[in-house]
Amino acid sequence: MMELNEWFQKGMTADKYIGSMTQNKGEMQAIFEQFSLTAADKSKLTTLRPQELRAIVLSEDWCGDALLNNPILLRIAESVGMEVRFVLRDQNLELMDHYLTNGVARAIPIFIFIDQEGNEVGVWGPRAPEIQVLLETRREALPEKNAEDFQEKQMEMYKQLVSSYMKDETIWQSVKGSIMAKLL
């Protein structure tokens, strides 16, 4: 397994990652443009500056959770001067498999926060606890997996979820709070 510093060096800058996106690019950029940190958030985050943290983001552009979480992380990173690098999950399973959700799922995004020496100081993802509850609640309303309309209903549920990710600022605040709680 490569060291985390090597993974960081291998990763794409945010500009390169966003430039390479073929799905959800507009949605991610829209959230980035609309989301901002409060003065109180920025004040709290200044305590992180001396740590010179960096972030490795395991992501893929098709992921609905990534289109929500990545722009919020980028705003936080911008506030503290944190360098962020994106590593594509599907091409880097060696790294992904060290950060499985519940020990089994290759759920993304995963944010790996490291110090300048490459030591892991925290891991966040794939979603804020409140968003996990929202997702589970919506999944419970789906028909059985073997039902004729399961696929269709599941796609509709994900579409509605992404729609709420785009508009619901309380969701953005949940994500921000969860990421900040991991860092502070």
C-alpha atoms as a PDB file:
ATOM      1  CA  MET A   1       0.000   0.000   0.000  1.00  0.00           C
ATOM      2  CA  MET A   2       1.328   3.412  -0.951  1.00  0.00           C
ATOM      3  CA  GLU A   3       1.786   5.981   1.814  1.00  0.00           C
ATOM      4  CA  LEU A   4      -0.932   8.627   2.148  1.00  0.00           C
ATOM      5  CA  ASN A   5       1.504  11.336   0.997  1.00  0.00           C
ATOM      6  CA  GLU A   6       1.984   9.366  -2.239  1.00  0.00           C
ATOM      7  CA  TRP A   7      -1.783   9.089  -2.711  1.00  0.00           C
ATOM      8  CA  PHE A   8      -2.059  12.826  -2.140  1.00  0.00           C
ATOM      9  CA  GLN A   9       0.611  13.517  -4.780  1.00  0.00           C
ATOM     10  CA  LYS A  10      -1.117  11.143  -7.201  1.00  0.00           C
ATOM     11  CA  GLY A  11      -4.474  12.880  -6.756  1.00  0.00           C
ATOM     12  CA  MET A  12      -5.942  15.556  -9.023  1.00  0.00           C
ATOM     13  CA  THR A  13      -6.367  19.150  -7.936  1.00  0.00           C
ATOM     14  CA  ALA A  14      -9.977  20.293  -7.564  1.00  0.00           C
ATOM     15  CA  ASP A  15      -9.738  22.238 -10.832  1.00  0.00           C
ATOM     16  CA  LYS A  16      -8.458  19.197 -12.702  1.00  0.00           C
ATOM     17  CA  TYR A  17     -11.099  16.915 -11.153  1.00  0.00           C
ATOM     18  CA  ILE A  18     -13.940  19.328 -11.904  1.00  0.00           C
ATOM     19  CA  GLY A  19     -12.563  19.875 -15.406  1.00  0.00           C
ATOM     20  CA  SER A  20     -12.606  16.118 -16.031  1.00  0.00           C
ATOM     21  CA  MET A  21     -16.188  15.644 -14.807  1.00  0.00           C
ATOM     22  CA  THR A  22     -18.764  14.392 -17.304  1.00  0.00           C
ATOM     23  CA  GLN A  23     -21.646  13.938 -14.820  1.00  0.00           C
ATOM     24  CA  ASN A  24     -22.974  16.178 -12.042  1.00  0.00           C
ATOM     25  CA  LYS A  25     -20.444  18.927 -12.810  1.00  0.00           C
ATOM     26  CA  GLY A  26     -23.073  21.658 -13.049  1.00  0.00           C
ATOM     27  CA  GLU A  27     -24.814  20.443  -9.911  1.00  0.00           C
ATOM     28  CA  MET A  28     -21.573  20.376  -7.930  1.00  0.00           C
ATOM     29  CA  GLN A  29     -20.571  23.840  -9.154  1.00  0.00           C
ATOM     30  CA  ALA A  30     -24.040  25.215  -8.348  1.00  0.00           C
ATOM     31  CA  ILE A  31     -23.771  24.061  -4.734  1.00  0.00           C
ATOM     32  CA  PHE A  32     -20.228  25.449  -4.513  1.00  0.00           C
ATOM     33  CA  GLU A  33     -21.412  28.835  -5.791  1.00  0.00           C
ATOM     34  CA  GLN A  34     -24.453  28.991  -3.473  1.00  0.00           C
ATOM     35  CA  PHE A  35     -22.941  27.572  -0.273  1.00  0.00           C
ATOM     36  CA  SER A  36     -20.941  29.817   2.014  1.00  0.00           C
ATOM     37  CA  LEU A  37     -19.540  29.604   5.495  1.00  0.00           C
ATOM     38  CA  THR A  38     -20.704  32.009   8.188  1.00  0.00           C
ATOM     39  CA  ALA A  39     -18.296  34.371   9.929  1.00  0.00           C
ATOM     40  CA  ALA A  40     -18.608  32.127  13.012  1.00  0.00           C
ATOM     41  CA  ASP A  41     -17.680  29.041  10.946  1.00  0.00           C
ATOM     42  CA  LYS A  42     -14.648  30.817   9.510  1.00  0.00           C
ATOM     43  CA  SER A  43     -13.599  31.958  12.964  1.00  0.00           C
ATOM     44  CA  LYS A  44     -13.775  28.378  14.327  1.00  0.00           C
ATOM     45  CA  LEU A  45     -11.900  27.037  11.320  1.00  0.00           C
ATOM     46  CA  THR A  46      -8.967  29.460  11.711  1.00  0.00           C
ATOM     47  CA  THR A  47      -7.739  27.245  14.556  1.00  0.00           C
ATOM     48  CA  LEU A  48      -6.962  24.595  11.909  1.00  0.00           C
ATOM     49  CA  ARG A  49      -4.658  26.799   9.815  1.00  0.00           C
ATOM     50  CA  PRO A  50      -1.462  26.077  11.803  1.00  0.00           C
ATOM     51  CA  GLN A  51      -1.985  22.317  11.339  1.00  0.00           C
ATOM     52  CA  GLU A  52      -1.611  22.681   7.551  1.00  0.00           C
ATOM     53  CA  LEU A  53      -3.965  19.772   6.979  1.00  0.00           C
ATOM     54  CA  ARG A  54      -4.517  18.332   3.522  1.00  0.00           C
ATOM     55  CA  ALA A  55      -7.343  16.165   2.205  1.00  0.00           C
ATOM     56  CA  ILE A  56      -7.464  13.167  -0.099  1.00  0.00           C
ATOM     57  CA  VAL A  57     -10.968  12.776  -1.542  1.00  0.00           C
ATOM     58  CA  LEU A  58     -12.025   9.378  -2.843  1.00  0.00           C
ATOM     59  CA  SER A  59     -14.754  10.260  -5.315  1.00  0.00           C
ATOM     60  CA  GLU A  60     -16.417   9.676  -8.690  1.00  0.00           C
ATOM     61  CA  ASP A  61     -18.323  12.258 -10.704  1.00  0.00           C
ATOM     62  CA  TRP A  62     -21.472  10.090 -11.012  1.00  0.00           C
ATOM     63  CA  CYS A  63     -21.954   9.940  -7.235  1.00  0.00           C
ATOM     64  CA  GLY A  64     -24.879  11.904  -5.787  1.00  0.00           C
ATOM     65  CA  ASP A  65     -23.272  12.135  -2.349  1.00  0.00           C
ATOM     66  CA  ALA A  66     -20.099  13.509  -3.963  1.00  0.00           C
ATOM     67  CA  LEU A  67     -21.981  16.274  -5.764  1.00  0.00           C
ATOM     68  CA  LEU A  68     -23.313  17.360  -2.348  1.00  0.00           C
ATOM     69  CA  ASN A  69     -20.310  16.835  -0.068  1.00  0.00           C
ATOM     70  CA  ASN A  70     -17.350  17.764  -2.269  1.00  0.00           C
ATOM     71  CA  PRO A  71     -18.287  21.431  -2.829  1.00  0.00           C
ATOM     72  CA  ILE A  72     -18.911  21.899   0.897  1.00  0.00           C
ATOM     73  CA  LEU A  73     -15.508  20.394   1.698  1.00  0.00           C
ATOM     74  CA  LEU A  74     -13.945  22.691  -0.916  1.00  0.00           C
ATOM     75  CA  ARG A  75     -15.480  25.770   0.784  1.00  0.00           C
ATOM     76  CA  ILE A  76     -14.138  24.591   4.162  1.00  0.00           C
ATOM     77  CA  ALA A  77     -10.729  23.868   2.629  1.00  0.00           C
ATOM     78  CA  GLU A  78     -10.670  27.305   0.992  1.00  0.00           C
ATOM     79  CA  SER A  79     -11.313  28.901   4.385  1.00  0.00           C
ATOM     80  CA  VAL A  80      -8.392  27.132   6.089  1.00  0.00           C
ATOM     81  CA  GLY A  81      -5.939  26.990   3.191  1.00  0.00           C
ATOM     82  CA  MET A  82      -6.226  23.202   2.988  1.00  0.00           C
ATOM     83  CA  GLU A  83      -4.960  21.539  -0.170  1.00  0.00           C
ATOM     84  CA  VAL A  84      -7.411  18.982  -1.558  1.00  0.00           C
ATOM     85  CA  ARG A  85      -6.633  16.213  -4.034  1.00  0.00           C
ATOM     86  CA  PHE A  86      -9.141  13.925  -5.716  1.00  0.00           C
ATOM     87  CA  VAL A  87      -8.499  10.223  -6.255  1.00  0.00           C
ATOM     88  CA  LEU A  88     -10.978   8.286  -8.395  1.00  0.00           C
ATOM     89  CA  ARG A  89     -12.389   5.378  -6.435  1.00  0.00           C
ATOM     90  CA  ASP A  90     -12.849   2.927  -9.294  1.00  0.00           C
ATOM     91  CA  GLN A  91      -9.244   3.240 -10.467  1.00  0.00           C
ATOM     92  CA  ASN A  92      -7.793   3.122  -6.944  1.00  0.00           C
ATOM     93  CA  LEU A  93      -9.469   0.254  -5.110  1.00  0.00           C
ATOM     94  CA  GLU A  94      -6.266  -0.412  -3.165  1.00  0.00           C
ATOM     95  CA  LEU A  95      -6.821   2.866  -1.299  1.00  0.00           C
ATOM     96  CA  MET A  96     -10.631   2.595  -1.278  1.00  0.00           C
ATOM     97  CA  ASP A  97     -10.540  -0.821   0.348  1.00  0.00           C
ATOM     98  CA  HIS A  98      -8.799   0.692   3.393  1.00  0.00           C
ATOM     99  CA  TYR A  99     -11.778   3.027   3.897  1.00  0.00           C
ATOM    100  CA  LEU A 100     -14.821   0.797   3.475  1.00  0.00           C
ATOM    101  CA  THR A 101     -18.080   1.938   5.057  1.00  0.00           C
ATOM    102  CA  ASN A 102     -19.127  -0.534   7.765  1.00  0.00           C
ATOM    103  CA  GLY A 103     -16.205  -2.701   6.648  1.00  0.00           C
ATOM    104  CA  VAL A 104     -17.949  -3.707   3.407  1.00  0.00           C
ATOM    105  CA  ALA A 105     -19.181  -0.870   1.194  1.00  0.00           C
ATOM    106  CA  ARG A 106     -17.073   1.160  -1.219  1.00  0.00           C
ATOM    107  CA  ALA A 107     -19.309   4.156  -0.477  1.00  0.00           C
ATOM    108  CA  ILE A 108     -18.033   7.582  -1.480  1.00  0.00           C
ATOM    109  CA  PRO A 109     -16.981  10.268  -1.069  1.00  0.00           C
ATOM    110  CA  ILE A 110     -14.438   9.563   1.634  1.00  0.00           C
ATOM    111  CA  PHE A 111     -12.344  12.470   2.913  1.00  0.00           C
ATOM    112  CA  ILE A 112      -8.989  11.425   4.375  1.00  0.00           C
ATOM    113  CA  PHE A 113      -7.436  14.296   6.315  1.00  0.00           C
ATOM    114  CA  ILE A 114      -3.655  14.126   6.665  1.00  0.00           C
ATOM    115  CA  ASP A 115      -0.935  16.255   8.172  1.00  0.00           C
ATOM    116  CA  GLN A 116       2.191  17.415   6.330  1.00  0.00           C
ATOM    117  CA  GLU A 117       4.014  14.162   7.205  1.00  0.00           C
ATOM    118  CA  GLY A 118       1.210  12.121   5.645  1.00  0.00           C
ATOM    119  CA  ASN A 119      -0.261  10.864   8.909  1.00  0.00           C
ATOM    120  CA  GLU A 120      -4.002  10.328   8.900  1.00  0.00           C
ATOM    121  CA  VAL A 121      -5.661  12.734  11.331  1.00  0.00           C
ATOM    122  CA  GLY A 122      -9.290  12.001  10.472  1.00  0.00           C
ATOM    123  CA  VAL A 123     -11.639  10.337   8.009  1.00  0.00           C
ATOM    124  CA  TRP A 124     -15.114  11.558   7.012  1.00  0.00           C
ATOM    125  CA  GLY A 125     -17.764  10.111   4.740  1.00  0.00           C
ATOM    126  CA  PRO A 126     -19.636   9.022   2.830  1.00  0.00           C
ATOM    127  CA  ARG A 127     -22.363  11.242   4.292  1.00  0.00           C
ATOM    128  CA  ALA A 128     -23.413  13.233   7.348  1.00  0.00           C
ATOM    129  CA  PRO A 129     -25.453  11.245   9.916  1.00  0.00           C
ATOM    130  CA  GLU A 130     -28.620  13.276   9.240  1.00  0.00           C
ATOM    131  CA  ILE A 131     -28.309  12.571   5.513  1.00  0.00           C
ATOM    132  CA  GLN A 132     -27.834   8.860   6.234  1.00  0.00           C
ATOM    133  CA  VAL A 133     -31.108   8.889   8.195  1.00  0.00           C
ATOM    134  CA  LEU A 134     -32.844  10.753   5.347  1.00  0.00           C
ATOM    135  CA  LEU A 135     -31.569   8.179   2.844  1.00  0.00           C
ATOM    136  CA  GLU A 136     -32.579   5.207   5.007  1.00  0.00           C
ATOM    137  CA  THR A 137     -36.065   6.682   5.525  1.00  0.00           C
ATOM    138  CA  ARG A 138     -36.517   7.069   1.783  1.00  0.00           C
ATOM    139  CA  ARG A 139     -35.162   3.567   1.117  1.00  0.00           C
ATOM    140  CA  GLU A 140     -37.675   2.087   3.570  1.00  0.00           C
ATOM    141  CA  ALA A 141     -40.502   3.539   1.461  1.00  0.00           C
ATOM    142  CA  LEU A 142     -39.292   1.604  -1.609  1.00  0.00           C
ATOM    143  CA  PRO A 143     -41.021  -1.608  -2.714  1.00  0.00           C
ATOM    144  CA  GLU A 144     -39.294  -4.974  -2.151  1.00  0.00           C
ATOM    145  CA  LYS A 145     -36.133  -5.465  -4.257  1.00  0.00           C
ATOM    146  CA  ASN A 146     -37.811  -8.211  -6.301  1.00  0.00           C
ATOM    147  CA  ALA A 147     -40.861  -6.037  -7.042  1.00  0.00           C
ATOM    148  CA  GLU A 148     -41.484  -5.218 -10.689  1.00  0.00           C
ATOM    149  CA  ASP A 149     -41.262  -1.470 -10.123  1.00  0.00           C
ATOM    150  CA  PHE A 150     -38.319  -1.496  -7.652  1.00  0.00           C
ATOM    151  CA  GLN A 151     -35.738  -0.249 -10.186  1.00  0.00           C
ATOM    152  CA  GLU A 152     -38.015   2.550 -11.364  1.00  0.00           C
ATOM    153  CA  LYS A 153     -38.973   3.629  -7.825  1.00  0.00           C
ATOM    154  CA  GLN A 154     -35.337   3.516  -6.689  1.00  0.00           C
ATOM    155  CA  MET A 155     -34.234   5.736  -9.599  1.00  0.00           C
ATOM    156  CA  GLU A 156     -37.043   8.191  -8.797  1.00  0.00           C
ATOM    157  CA  MET A 157     -36.032   8.217  -5.121  1.00  0.00           C
ATOM    158  CA  TYR A 158     -32.397   9.021  -6.017  1.00  0.00           C
ATOM    159  CA  LYS A 159     -33.541  11.746  -8.424  1.00  0.00           C
ATOM    160  CA  GLN A 160     -35.622  13.351  -5.659  1.00  0.00           C
ATOM    161  CA  LEU A 161     -32.727  13.034  -3.220  1.00  0.00           C
ATOM    162  CA  VAL A 162     -30.340  14.810  -5.616  1.00  0.00           C
ATOM    163  CA  SER A 163     -32.991  17.473  -6.164  1.00  0.00           C
ATOM    164  CA  SER A 164     -33.148  18.100  -2.414  1.00  0.00           C
ATOM    165  CA  TYR A 165     -29.327  18.100  -2.257  1.00  0.00           C
ATOM    166  CA  MET A 166     -29.411  20.941  -4.785  1.00  0.00           C
ATOM    167  CA  LYS A 167     -31.957  23.138  -2.990  1.00  0.00           C
ATOM    168  CA  ASP A 168     -32.184  22.294   0.706  1.00  0.00           C
ATOM    169  CA  GLU A 169     -29.773  24.474   2.648  1.00  0.00           C
ATOM    170  CA  THR A 170     -30.485  22.551   5.866  1.00  0.00           C
ATOM    171  CA  ILE A 171     -28.865  19.551   4.152  1.00  0.00           C
ATOM    172  CA  TRP A 172     -25.817  21.697   3.338  1.00  0.00           C
ATOM    173  CA  GLN A 173     -25.635  22.827   6.963  1.00  0.00           C
ATOM    174  CA  SER A 174     -25.782  19.210   8.181  1.00  0.00           C
ATOM    175  CA  VAL A 175     -22.884  18.278   5.921  1.00  0.00           C
ATOM    176  CA  LYS A 176     -20.872  21.342   6.949  1.00  0.00           C
ATOM    177  CA  GLY A 177     -21.468  20.653  10.640  1.00  0.00           C
ATOM    178  CA  SER A 178     -20.496  17.008  10.298  1.00  0.00           C
ATOM    179  CA  ILE A 179     -17.256  17.764   8.421  1.00  0.00           C
ATOM    180  CA  MET A 180     -16.331  20.561  10.824  1.00  0.00           C
ATOM    181  CA  ALA A 181     -17.011  18.286  13.825  1.00  0.00           C
ATOM    182  CA  LYS A 182     -14.529  15.786  12.355  1.00  0.00           C
ATOM    183  CA  LEU A 183     -11.869  18.473  11.893  1.00  0.00           C
ATOM    184  CA  LEU A 184     -12.236  20.538  15.071  1.00  0.00           C
END
